[in-house]
Structure formats: C-alpha cells, structure tokens
Amino acid sequence: MELEGYFFPDDLKFETNHYWAKLDGDVVITGAGEFISKQAGEITFVDLPEEGDTLTQGKPYGSIESGKWVGRIYAVVSGEVLEVNTALEDEPEKINSDPHGEGWICKIKPSKLADEWETLMAVDGSFRNFIEGEIKKIQEQK
C-alpha cells in the first residue's frame, strides 16, 4: 500500500510505534518502517540489541538516532534475539534507503507468537485508518 508518499509492504504487519514484523518460518524479522525513516531524516546511529537478549512485545530495546531525532526501538513480539543486522553499525542509513529490506534490525525467535501476532496491524483497513491519522498529525505540526 502506498499512501501520501509512504510505502507499506502488504506482507508486513506493523505496531503503533511504526516498527514492522515479517514472519519467516518460525522467526520474526523486524525493522523500522518507512514512516520512521522519513520523519527522522538521515539515520546516523542505531543502538542494536545483542544476540540472546530477551525482548518483550511493546517494550523498548534500543534506539535510532538522526541529526534531529532520537527514538526508541520497540519489540514487535516477545522472544529471543537470534540475529542482529550488524551492517547497521557501519551503515545505519540503510534504514533510510531500504527500511523494509536491508535495513532490518533483528530476527527474533518468538515466545508468544500465537497471542501476539494478532495484535499487530496488517496493511488493510484498520492500518490505513491508523496511518492516515499519523500522517495528519505530522501535517498539522508543519
């Protein structure tokens, strides 16, 4: 789905802090959505989790920084961090250039997937309403 210059891949789910989740077998890949990357400007630093860390859905576990913004990274699901995108340490701007691809943040072995997956928003009517409201907030601030 494309809306007001923002792209949201149909195969992803989102949470209300604009982090996305993609199910790949029994692993959840996660990252920051294009909405974050465009609002933040050029990303200059990413504080990544460590492999083996335990995450809790909705709780922060790292941060993303740009020249004008610092934001927390929120867990889309609970579970153990299996892999971290260490390329972001040297090239954090990948979150800007390819937020839904090479800019992924980590891969998680979910511990409560059956319960938590349904709490995420699929790119459909309810998500569209949510993101339209977020875009409106940004436009009103300008």
N, C-alpha and C. Protein backbone atom coordinates (compact mmCIF):
# COMPACT_ATOMS: atom_id res chain seq x y z
N MET A 1 0.84 -1.17 0.00
CA MET A 1 0.00 0.00 0.00
C MET A 1 0.89 1.24 0.00
N GLU A 2 0.53 2.20 -0.80
CA GLU A 2 1.21 3.48 -0.80
C GLU A 2 0.21 4.55 -0.39
N LEU A 3 0.65 5.44 0.48
CA LEU A 3 -0.25 6.47 0.99
C LEU A 3 0.56 7.72 1.29
N GLU A 4 0.22 8.82 0.64
CA GLU A 4 0.85 10.12 0.89
C GLU A 4 2.38 10.06 0.80
N GLY A 5 2.90 9.25 -0.13
CA GLY A 5 4.35 9.16 -0.31
C GLY A 5 5.04 8.15 0.58
N TYR A 6 4.29 7.42 1.40
CA TYR A 6 4.84 6.38 2.26
C TYR A 6 4.45 5.02 1.68
N PHE A 7 5.37 4.05 1.74
CA PHE A 7 5.11 2.72 1.22
C PHE A 7 5.07 1.72 2.38
N PHE A 8 4.04 0.87 2.36
CA PHE A 8 3.86 -0.14 3.40
C PHE A 8 3.64 -1.49 2.70
N PRO A 9 4.66 -2.36 2.69
CA PRO A 9 4.52 -3.66 2.02
C PRO A 9 3.37 -4.49 2.61
N ASP A 10 2.61 -5.11 1.72
CA ASP A 10 1.44 -5.90 2.13
C ASP A 10 1.80 -7.13 2.96
N ASP A 11 3.04 -7.62 2.85
CA ASP A 11 3.41 -8.84 3.57
C ASP A 11 3.94 -8.57 4.98
N LEU A 12 3.87 -7.32 5.42
CA LEU A 12 4.35 -6.97 6.75
C LEU A 12 3.17 -6.63 7.66
N LYS A 13 3.44 -6.75 8.97
CA LYS A 13 2.50 -6.27 9.97
C LYS A 13 3.21 -5.16 10.74
N PHE A 14 2.43 -4.24 11.30
CA PHE A 14 3.00 -3.09 11.99
C PHE A 14 2.43 -2.96 13.39
N GLU A 15 3.22 -2.30 14.26
CA GLU A 15 2.73 -1.94 15.57
C GLU A 15 2.65 -0.43 15.64
N THR A 16 2.09 0.11 16.69
CA THR A 16 1.75 1.53 16.73
C THR A 16 2.94 2.47 16.83
N ASN A 17 4.14 1.97 17.06
CA ASN A 17 5.34 2.81 17.07
C ASN A 17 6.05 2.78 15.72
N HIS A 18 5.39 2.17 14.71
CA HIS A 18 5.87 2.13 13.33
C HIS A 18 7.00 1.15 13.08
N TYR A 19 7.08 0.12 13.90
CA TYR A 19 8.02 -0.97 13.63
C TYR A 19 7.25 -2.11 12.98
N TRP A 20 7.93 -2.78 12.05
CA TRP A 20 7.27 -3.82 11.27
C TRP A 20 7.75 -5.21 11.66
N ALA A 21 6.94 -6.19 11.28
CA ALA A 21 7.25 -7.60 11.54
C ALA A 21 6.93 -8.41 10.30
N LYS A 22 7.81 -9.36 10.01
CA LYS A 22 7.58 -10.28 8.90
C LYS A 22 7.87 -11.68 9.41
N LEU A 23 6.92 -12.57 9.20
CA LEU A 23 7.08 -13.95 9.63
C LEU A 23 7.82 -14.72 8.55
N ASP A 24 8.93 -15.34 8.92
CA ASP A 24 9.75 -16.15 8.01
C ASP A 24 9.94 -17.52 8.67
N GLY A 25 9.03 -18.44 8.37
CA GLY A 25 9.04 -19.73 9.06
C GLY A 25 8.63 -19.52 10.50
N ASP A 26 9.51 -19.89 11.43
CA ASP A 26 9.21 -19.69 12.85
C ASP A 26 10.02 -18.54 13.45
N VAL A 27 10.50 -17.65 12.59
CA VAL A 27 11.29 -16.49 13.00
C VAL A 27 10.57 -15.22 12.56
N VAL A 28 10.64 -14.18 13.39
CA VAL A 28 10.08 -12.88 13.05
C VAL A 28 11.24 -11.93 12.76
N ILE A 29 11.23 -11.38 11.55
CA ILE A 29 12.20 -10.35 11.17
C ILE A 29 11.53 -9.01 11.46
N THR A 30 12.29 -8.06 11.99
CA THR A 30 11.70 -6.78 12.37
C THR A 30 12.59 -5.62 11.98
N GLY A 31 11.97 -4.46 11.82
CA GLY A 31 12.71 -3.26 11.49
C GLY A 31 11.84 -2.03 11.66
N ALA A 32 12.43 -0.88 11.36
CA ALA A 32 11.72 0.40 11.43
C ALA A 32 11.05 0.66 10.09
N GLY A 33 9.81 1.08 10.13
CA GLY A 33 9.08 1.36 8.90
C GLY A 33 9.53 2.63 8.21
N GLU A 34 9.11 2.77 6.96
CA GLU A 34 9.46 3.94 6.17
C GLU A 34 8.96 5.23 6.82
N PHE A 35 7.86 5.16 7.53
CA PHE A 35 7.33 6.34 8.22
C PHE A 35 8.39 6.90 9.17
N ILE A 36 9.04 6.03 9.95
CA ILE A 36 10.09 6.46 10.88
C ILE A 36 11.27 7.05 10.10
N SER A 37 11.71 6.34 9.07
CA SER A 37 12.90 6.78 8.35
C SER A 37 12.70 8.14 7.70
N LYS A 38 11.51 8.41 7.20
CA LYS A 38 11.25 9.71 6.58
C LYS A 38 11.10 10.82 7.62
N GLN A 39 10.48 10.52 8.74
CA GLN A 39 10.29 11.53 9.77
C GLN A 39 11.60 11.87 10.48
N ALA A 40 12.45 10.88 10.66
CA ALA A 40 13.70 11.08 11.39
C ALA A 40 14.75 11.81 10.56
N GLY A 41 14.70 11.67 9.25
CA GLY A 41 15.78 12.17 8.43
C GLY A 41 16.87 11.13 8.35
N GLU A 42 18.07 11.53 7.95
CA GLU A 42 19.14 10.55 7.77
C GLU A 42 19.55 9.92 9.10
N ILE A 43 19.39 8.62 9.18
CA ILE A 43 19.76 7.88 10.39
C ILE A 43 21.28 7.85 10.50
N THR A 44 21.80 8.20 11.67
CA THR A 44 23.26 8.26 11.87
C THR A 44 23.77 7.23 12.87
N PHE A 45 22.87 6.64 13.66
CA PHE A 45 23.30 5.67 14.68
C PHE A 45 22.13 4.77 15.06
N VAL A 46 22.44 3.48 15.26
CA VAL A 46 21.44 2.53 15.74
C VAL A 46 22.04 1.76 16.91
N ASP A 47 21.37 1.80 18.05
CA ASP A 47 21.76 1.03 19.23
C ASP A 47 21.03 -0.31 19.13
N LEU A 48 21.78 -1.35 18.76
CA LEU A 48 21.20 -2.67 18.48
C LEU A 48 21.18 -3.55 19.72
N PRO A 49 20.27 -4.53 19.75
CA PRO A 49 20.28 -5.50 20.84
C PRO A 49 21.44 -6.48 20.63
N GLU A 50 21.64 -7.33 21.58
CA GLU A 50 22.65 -8.39 21.49
C GLU A 50 21.95 -9.71 21.17
N GLU A 51 22.61 -10.56 20.42
CA GLU A 51 22.07 -11.90 20.20
C GLU A 51 21.90 -12.57 21.55
N GLY A 52 20.78 -13.22 21.74
CA GLY A 52 20.48 -13.86 23.01
C GLY A 52 19.64 -13.01 23.95
N ASP A 53 19.52 -11.71 23.67
CA ASP A 53 18.68 -10.85 24.50
C ASP A 53 17.23 -11.33 24.45
N THR A 54 16.51 -11.14 25.54
CA THR A 54 15.09 -11.45 25.59
C THR A 54 14.31 -10.15 25.46
N LEU A 55 13.38 -10.12 24.51
CA LEU A 55 12.57 -8.93 24.26
C LEU A 55 11.13 -9.18 24.71
N THR A 56 10.45 -8.10 25.08
CA THR A 56 9.04 -8.16 25.46
C THR A 56 8.26 -7.26 24.53
N GLN A 57 7.20 -7.81 23.94
CA GLN A 57 6.39 -7.04 22.99
C GLN A 57 6.00 -5.69 23.58
N GLY A 58 6.19 -4.63 22.77
CA GLY A 58 5.81 -3.29 23.17
C GLY A 58 6.82 -2.54 24.03
N LYS A 59 7.86 -3.22 24.45
CA LYS A 59 8.88 -2.60 25.30
C LYS A 59 10.09 -2.20 24.45
N PRO A 60 10.75 -1.06 24.79
CA PRO A 60 11.93 -0.63 24.03
C PRO A 60 13.14 -1.51 24.32
N TYR A 61 13.98 -1.66 23.30
CA TYR A 61 15.21 -2.45 23.46
C TYR A 61 16.42 -1.82 22.78
N GLY A 62 16.28 -0.66 22.20
CA GLY A 62 17.38 0.02 21.53
C GLY A 62 16.93 1.39 21.11
N SER A 63 17.76 2.05 20.28
CA SER A 63 17.38 3.37 19.81
C SER A 63 17.92 3.63 18.41
N ILE A 64 17.30 4.58 17.76
CA ILE A 64 17.70 5.06 16.44
C ILE A 64 17.91 6.56 16.57
N GLU A 65 19.00 7.07 15.97
CA GLU A 65 19.28 8.50 16.06
C GLU A 65 19.53 9.08 14.68
N SER A 66 19.11 10.32 14.52
CA SER A 66 19.45 11.12 13.35
C SER A 66 19.96 12.45 13.89
N GLY A 67 20.30 13.36 13.01
CA GLY A 67 20.79 14.66 13.46
C GLY A 67 19.75 15.46 14.22
N LYS A 68 18.45 15.15 14.02
CA LYS A 68 17.40 15.93 14.66
C LYS A 68 16.48 15.12 15.55
N TRP A 69 16.78 13.85 15.74
CA TRP A 69 15.79 12.99 16.39
C TRP A 69 16.47 11.79 17.05
N VAL A 70 15.96 11.38 18.21
CA VAL A 70 16.34 10.13 18.86
C VAL A 70 15.05 9.41 19.20
N GLY A 71 14.94 8.16 18.80
CA GLY A 71 13.73 7.40 19.08
C GLY A 71 14.07 6.00 19.57
N ARG A 72 13.18 5.45 20.32
CA ARG A 72 13.35 4.09 20.83
C ARG A 72 12.93 3.07 19.78
N ILE A 73 13.54 1.90 19.86
CA ILE A 73 13.14 0.76 19.05
C ILE A 73 12.29 -0.13 19.94
N TYR A 74 11.10 -0.50 19.45
CA TYR A 74 10.17 -1.30 20.24
C TYR A 74 10.07 -2.72 19.69
N ALA A 75 9.94 -3.67 20.60
CA ALA A 75 9.79 -5.07 20.22
C ALA A 75 8.40 -5.32 19.64
N VAL A 76 8.35 -5.90 18.46
CA VAL A 76 7.07 -6.21 17.83
C VAL A 76 6.46 -7.49 18.40
N VAL A 77 7.33 -8.38 18.88
CA VAL A 77 6.89 -9.61 19.55
C VAL A 77 7.86 -9.91 20.68
N SER A 78 7.44 -10.74 21.61
CA SER A 78 8.32 -11.20 22.69
C SER A 78 9.13 -12.38 22.18
N GLY A 79 10.35 -12.50 22.70
CA GLY A 79 11.16 -13.64 22.32
C GLY A 79 12.65 -13.35 22.43
N GLU A 80 13.44 -14.27 21.89
CA GLU A 80 14.89 -14.19 21.95
C GLU A 80 15.46 -13.66 20.64
N VAL A 81 16.41 -12.74 20.74
CA VAL A 81 17.09 -12.21 19.56
C VAL A 81 18.02 -13.29 19.03
N LEU A 82 17.75 -13.75 17.80
CA LEU A 82 18.57 -14.77 17.16
C LEU A 82 19.71 -14.18 16.35
N GLU A 83 19.43 -13.06 15.69
CA GLU A 83 20.41 -12.44 14.81
C GLU A 83 20.18 -10.94 14.79
N VAL A 84 21.27 -10.20 14.68
CA VAL A 84 21.23 -8.74 14.63
C VAL A 84 21.85 -8.30 13.31
N ASN A 85 21.29 -7.28 12.71
CA ASN A 85 21.83 -6.75 11.46
C ASN A 85 23.02 -5.85 11.78
N THR A 86 24.19 -6.45 11.94
CA THR A 86 25.38 -5.71 12.33
C THR A 86 25.85 -4.74 11.24
N ALA A 87 25.36 -4.90 10.01
CA ALA A 87 25.70 -3.94 8.95
C ALA A 87 25.24 -2.53 9.32
N LEU A 88 24.21 -2.44 10.17
CA LEU A 88 23.69 -1.12 10.57
C LEU A 88 24.68 -0.36 11.46
N GLU A 89 25.64 -1.07 12.07
CA GLU A 89 26.63 -0.38 12.90
C GLU A 89 27.47 0.56 12.05
N ASP A 90 27.83 0.13 10.84
CA ASP A 90 28.63 0.96 9.94
C ASP A 90 27.79 1.72 8.93
N GLU A 91 26.59 1.22 8.64
CA GLU A 91 25.72 1.85 7.64
C GLU A 91 24.29 1.99 8.17
N PRO A 92 24.10 2.80 9.21
CA PRO A 92 22.75 2.96 9.77
C PRO A 92 21.76 3.56 8.77
N GLU A 93 22.29 4.25 7.75
CA GLU A 93 21.43 4.86 6.75
C GLU A 93 20.68 3.85 5.89
N LYS A 94 21.01 2.55 6.03
CA LYS A 94 20.25 1.51 5.32
C LYS A 94 18.78 1.54 5.75
N ILE A 95 18.53 2.02 6.97
CA ILE A 95 17.14 2.15 7.43
C ILE A 95 16.41 3.18 6.58
N ASN A 96 17.14 4.20 6.10
CA ASN A 96 16.53 5.20 5.20
C ASN A 96 16.37 4.66 3.79
N SER A 97 17.42 4.04 3.28
CA SER A 97 17.42 3.63 1.87
C SER A 97 16.60 2.38 1.60
N ASP A 98 16.50 1.47 2.57
CA ASP A 98 15.76 0.22 2.36
C ASP A 98 15.20 -0.28 3.69
N PRO A 99 14.25 0.48 4.27
CA PRO A 99 13.77 0.15 5.62
C PRO A 99 13.10 -1.22 5.75
N HIS A 100 12.51 -1.72 4.67
CA HIS A 100 11.80 -3.00 4.73
C HIS A 100 12.63 -4.14 4.16
N GLY A 101 13.89 -3.87 3.85
CA GLY A 101 14.78 -4.88 3.28
C GLY A 101 16.09 -4.92 4.03
N GLU A 102 17.15 -4.35 3.41
CA GLU A 102 18.48 -4.37 4.01
C GLU A 102 18.56 -3.61 5.33
N GLY A 103 17.56 -2.79 5.63
CA GLY A 103 17.56 -2.02 6.87
C GLY A 103 16.91 -2.74 8.05
N TRP A 104 16.65 -4.06 7.92
CA TRP A 104 16.06 -4.80 9.03
C TRP A 104 16.95 -4.67 10.26
N ILE A 105 16.37 -4.81 11.44
CA ILE A 105 17.12 -4.61 12.68
C ILE A 105 17.53 -5.94 13.32
N CYS A 106 16.57 -6.84 13.54
CA CYS A 106 16.92 -8.12 14.15
C CYS A 106 15.92 -9.20 13.80
N LYS A 107 16.32 -10.43 14.08
CA LYS A 107 15.46 -11.59 13.90
C LYS A 107 15.20 -12.18 15.28
N ILE A 108 13.93 -12.50 15.51
CA ILE A 108 13.50 -12.93 16.84
C ILE A 108 12.87 -14.31 16.77
N LYS A 109 13.23 -15.17 17.74
CA LYS A 109 12.54 -16.44 17.93
C LYS A 109 11.41 -16.13 18.91
N PRO A 110 10.18 -16.03 18.40
CA PRO A 110 9.07 -15.59 19.26
C PRO A 110 8.70 -16.62 20.32
N SER A 111 8.31 -16.12 21.48
CA SER A 111 7.90 -17.00 22.58
C SER A 111 6.39 -17.04 22.77
N LYS A 112 5.67 -16.04 22.22
CA LYS A 112 4.21 -15.96 22.38
C LYS A 112 3.54 -15.60 21.06
N LEU A 113 4.03 -16.16 19.97
CA LEU A 113 3.59 -15.74 18.64
C LEU A 113 2.09 -15.89 18.45
N ALA A 114 1.52 -17.00 18.90
CA ALA A 114 0.08 -17.23 18.69
C ALA A 114 -0.76 -16.10 19.26
N ASP A 115 -0.37 -15.58 20.41
CA ASP A 115 -1.13 -14.50 21.05
C ASP A 115 -0.77 -13.13 20.48
N GLU A 116 0.51 -12.89 20.26
CA GLU A 116 0.97 -11.55 19.92
C GLU A 116 0.84 -11.19 18.44
N TRP A 117 0.92 -12.16 17.57
CA TRP A 117 0.87 -11.87 16.13
C TRP A 117 -0.43 -11.15 15.76
N GLU A 118 -1.52 -11.56 16.38
CA GLU A 118 -2.83 -10.98 16.07
C GLU A 118 -2.99 -9.55 16.58
N THR A 119 -2.11 -9.11 17.49
CA THR A 119 -2.20 -7.75 17.99
C THR A 119 -1.55 -6.75 17.04
N LEU A 120 -0.78 -7.25 16.08
CA LEU A 120 -0.13 -6.38 15.10
C LEU A 120 -1.11 -6.05 13.98
N MET A 121 -0.91 -4.91 13.33
CA MET A 121 -1.83 -4.46 12.29
C MET A 121 -1.36 -4.91 10.91
N ALA A 122 -2.24 -5.61 10.21
CA ALA A 122 -1.98 -5.95 8.82
C ALA A 122 -2.27 -4.71 7.97
N VAL A 123 -1.62 -4.63 6.82
CA VAL A 123 -1.81 -3.48 5.94
C VAL A 123 -3.17 -3.62 5.26
N ASP A 124 -4.20 -3.15 5.96
CA ASP A 124 -5.57 -3.23 5.46
C ASP A 124 -6.34 -2.02 5.99
N GLY A 125 -7.62 -2.12 6.09
CA GLY A 125 -8.46 -1.00 6.50
C GLY A 125 -8.09 -0.40 7.84
N SER A 126 -7.89 -1.23 8.86
CA SER A 126 -7.59 -0.68 10.19
C SER A 126 -6.23 0.00 10.21
N PHE A 127 -5.25 -0.57 9.54
CA PHE A 127 -3.94 0.06 9.48
C PHE A 127 -4.01 1.35 8.68
N ARG A 128 -4.76 1.32 7.60
CA ARG A 128 -4.91 2.52 6.76
C ARG A 128 -5.47 3.68 7.59
N ASN A 129 -6.48 3.41 8.39
CA ASN A 129 -7.05 4.44 9.26
C ASN A 129 -6.02 4.96 10.26
N PHE A 130 -5.25 4.04 10.83
CA PHE A 130 -4.21 4.41 11.80
C PHE A 130 -3.17 5.31 11.14
N ILE A 131 -2.64 4.90 9.99
CA ILE A 131 -1.56 5.65 9.36
C ILE A 131 -2.05 6.98 8.80
N GLU A 132 -3.29 7.03 8.33
CA GLU A 132 -3.84 8.32 7.89
C GLU A 132 -3.87 9.31 9.06
N GLY A 133 -4.22 8.83 10.25
CA GLY A 133 -4.21 9.68 11.44
C GLY A 133 -2.80 10.15 11.79
N GLU A 134 -1.81 9.28 11.65
CA GLU A 134 -0.42 9.63 11.94
C GLU A 134 0.09 10.68 10.95
N ILE A 135 -0.24 10.51 9.69
CA ILE A 135 0.19 11.46 8.65
C ILE A 135 -0.47 12.82 8.90
N LYS A 136 -1.73 12.80 9.30
CA LYS A 136 -2.45 14.05 9.58
C LYS A 136 -1.77 14.79 10.73
N LYS A 137 -1.35 14.08 11.78
CA LYS A 137 -0.66 14.71 12.91
C LYS A 137 0.61 15.43 12.44
N ILE A 138 1.36 14.77 11.57
CA ILE A 138 2.60 15.35 11.06
C ILE A 138 2.29 16.60 10.24
N GLN A 139 1.29 16.53 9.40
CA GLN A 139 0.93 17.67 8.56
C GLN A 139 0.46 18.85 9.40
N GLU A 140 -0.24 18.59 10.49
CA GLU A 140 -0.73 19.66 11.36
C GLU A 140 0.41 20.35 12.11
N GLN A 141 1.52 19.62 12.33
CA GLN A 141 2.66 20.19 13.04
C GLN A 141 3.48 21.13 12.16
N LYS A 142 3.30 21.04 10.86
CA LYS A 142 4.11 21.87 9.94
C LYS A 142 3.55 23.25 9.80
